[in-house]
Amino acid sequence: MRGGLAKMRMKPLSRHLKSLCRQLGPEYRVTVIDLEYVINRDFGNGYDIEISGVNTSKADATATIYLWKDKKRIVKVVDGVPQQNIGKWSEWLRAKTLSLTPEDFDRFGSLKEPRTVHAEVTECPESH
């Protein structure tokens, strides 16, 4: 390391990520968050999702889906999502946002329920 600082480098955008984004539909976009190419969908109601961990050539890589509130706070995480189930879990999160009320949050802005769902041990609930 020259000068004591390591250069931060992003992994190049994979063809696989672009293809996965197209498969999910026109509401989804590839964007950069925290020096990583991710898939993003804005629900248009103050919530959006970030789909991370799939900028790879591996079809068996699992995703982590983050539900953001007001682009400031992660309020729900679904980890270990198989790529073929990303659309299903994304729709579940979208439906969840439609039913959330201020009473569902504590005084710090966190949901009053477990923050993380582990997709490898939890079947995706049916959307409302």
Protein backbone atom coordinates (compact mmCIF):
# COMPACT_ATOMS: atom_id res chain seq x y z
CA MET A 1 0.00 0.00 0.00
CA ARG A 2 1.47 3.26 -1.04
CA GLY A 3 0.85 6.14 1.34
CA GLY A 4 -0.91 3.86 3.82
CA LEU A 5 -4.28 3.95 2.01
CA ALA A 6 -5.77 1.07 0.08
CA LYS A 7 -7.66 2.03 -3.06
CA MET A 8 -11.31 1.12 -2.93
CA ARG A 9 -12.33 -0.71 -6.08
CA MET A 10 -15.73 -1.81 -7.18
CA LYS A 11 -16.30 -5.20 -8.69
CA PRO A 12 -17.27 -4.66 -12.35
CA LEU A 13 -20.94 -4.87 -13.31
CA SER A 14 -21.67 -8.49 -14.30
CA ARG A 15 -23.79 -9.59 -17.25
CA HIS A 16 -25.59 -11.85 -14.81
CA LEU A 17 -26.75 -8.90 -12.66
CA LYS A 18 -28.01 -7.03 -15.73
CA SER A 19 -29.86 -10.13 -16.91
CA LEU A 20 -31.39 -10.73 -13.47
CA CYS A 21 -32.55 -7.10 -13.34
CA ARG A 22 -34.24 -7.46 -16.75
CA GLN A 23 -35.94 -10.68 -15.61
CA LEU A 24 -37.36 -8.95 -12.51
CA GLY A 25 -39.10 -6.35 -14.66
CA PRO A 26 -39.10 -2.69 -15.70
CA GLU A 27 -39.62 -1.41 -12.11
CA TYR A 28 -36.11 -2.57 -11.20
CA ARG A 29 -32.87 -0.65 -11.85
CA VAL A 30 -29.16 -1.35 -11.44
CA THR A 31 -27.53 1.25 -9.24
CA VAL A 32 -24.48 1.65 -6.99
CA ILE A 33 -24.83 1.63 -3.21
CA ASP A 34 -21.79 1.51 -0.91
CA LEU A 35 -19.42 0.76 -3.79
CA GLU A 36 -21.48 -2.24 -4.95
CA TYR A 37 -23.67 -2.73 -8.01
CA VAL A 38 -27.10 -3.69 -6.70
CA ILE A 39 -30.65 -3.91 -8.00
CA ASN A 40 -33.04 -1.28 -6.67
CA ARG A 41 -36.79 -0.83 -6.80
CA ASP A 42 -38.55 2.27 -5.50
CA PHE A 43 -42.10 1.44 -4.40
CA GLY A 44 -43.13 5.11 -4.65
CA ASN A 45 -44.52 5.22 -1.11
CA GLY A 46 -41.45 6.18 0.90
CA TYR A 47 -40.03 2.66 0.75
CA ASP A 48 -37.57 1.04 -1.63
CA ILE A 49 -35.57 -2.17 -1.76
CA GLU A 50 -31.93 -2.89 -2.42
CA ILE A 51 -31.03 -6.36 -3.70
CA SER A 52 -27.42 -7.11 -2.84
CA GLY A 53 -25.01 -9.98 -3.34
CA VAL A 54 -25.89 -10.98 -6.89
CA ASN A 55 -23.29 -9.05 -8.91
CA THR A 56 -21.67 -12.36 -9.75
CA SER A 57 -21.62 -15.02 -12.44
CA LYS A 58 -22.87 -17.62 -9.93
CA ALA A 59 -26.51 -18.57 -10.44
CA ASP A 60 -26.55 -20.15 -6.98
CA ALA A 61 -25.42 -17.02 -5.11
CA THR A 62 -28.05 -15.89 -2.64
CA ALA A 63 -29.26 -12.32 -2.31
CA THR A 64 -29.88 -10.07 0.64
CA ILE A 65 -32.86 -7.75 0.22
CA TYR A 66 -32.93 -4.57 2.30
CA LEU A 67 -36.15 -2.61 2.80
CA TRP A 68 -35.37 1.09 3.20
CA LYS A 69 -37.68 3.72 4.66
CA ASP A 70 -37.27 7.26 3.36
CA LYS A 71 -33.88 6.24 1.88
CA LYS A 72 -32.41 6.69 5.37
CA ARG A 73 -33.16 3.63 7.46
CA ILE A 74 -33.15 -0.10 6.80
CA VAL A 75 -36.29 -1.42 8.47
CA LYS A 76 -36.35 -5.03 7.23
CA VAL A 77 -33.79 -7.48 5.86
CA VAL A 78 -34.40 -10.76 4.05
CA ASP A 79 -31.18 -12.72 3.72
CA GLY A 80 -30.25 -15.97 2.00
CA VAL A 81 -32.74 -15.41 -0.84
CA PRO A 82 -32.27 -17.84 -3.76
CA GLN A 83 -32.21 -15.89 -7.02
CA GLN A 84 -35.35 -17.59 -8.32
CA ASN A 85 -37.25 -16.24 -5.26
CA ILE A 86 -36.10 -12.60 -5.38
CA GLY A 87 -39.28 -11.46 -7.15
CA LYS A 88 -41.52 -13.27 -4.67
CA TRP A 89 -39.74 -11.81 -1.60
CA SER A 90 -39.66 -8.34 -3.22
CA GLU A 91 -43.42 -8.46 -3.74
CA TRP A 92 -43.90 -9.61 -0.13
CA LEU A 93 -41.91 -6.59 1.06
CA ARG A 94 -43.89 -4.26 -1.23
CA ALA A 95 -47.19 -5.61 0.14
CA LYS A 96 -45.83 -5.24 3.68
CA THR A 97 -45.11 -1.53 3.09
CA LEU A 98 -48.74 -0.99 2.08
CA SER A 99 -49.96 -2.19 5.47
CA LEU A 100 -47.41 -0.45 7.70
CA THR A 101 -48.67 2.31 10.00
CA PRO A 102 -46.80 4.63 12.40
CA GLU A 103 -47.89 2.32 15.23
CA ASP A 104 -45.75 -0.46 13.70
CA PHE A 105 -42.59 1.51 14.55
CA ASP A 106 -40.96 2.26 17.88
CA ARG A 107 -39.88 5.75 18.92
CA PHE A 108 -36.51 5.22 17.22
CA GLY A 109 -38.06 4.37 13.83
CA SER A 110 -37.48 0.61 13.98
CA LEU A 111 -40.19 -1.92 13.28
CA LYS A 112 -41.62 -3.59 16.38
CA GLU A 113 -40.80 -7.04 15.00
CA PRO A 114 -37.62 -8.95 14.21
CA ARG A 115 -35.61 -7.00 11.64
CA THR A 116 -34.22 -9.98 9.73
CA VAL A 117 -35.99 -12.85 7.98
CA HIS A 118 -33.82 -15.80 6.95
CA ALA A 119 -35.15 -17.02 3.60
CA GLU A 120 -33.26 -20.30 3.86
CA VAL A 121 -35.37 -21.29 6.91
CA THR A 122 -38.55 -19.29 6.27
CA GLU A 123 -40.89 -19.85 3.35
CA CYS A 124 -41.98 -16.61 1.70
CA PRO A 125 -45.41 -15.65 3.08
CA GLU A 126 -48.16 -15.03 0.58
CA SER A 127 -48.57 -11.37 -0.31
CA HIS A 128 -51.70 -9.67 0.97
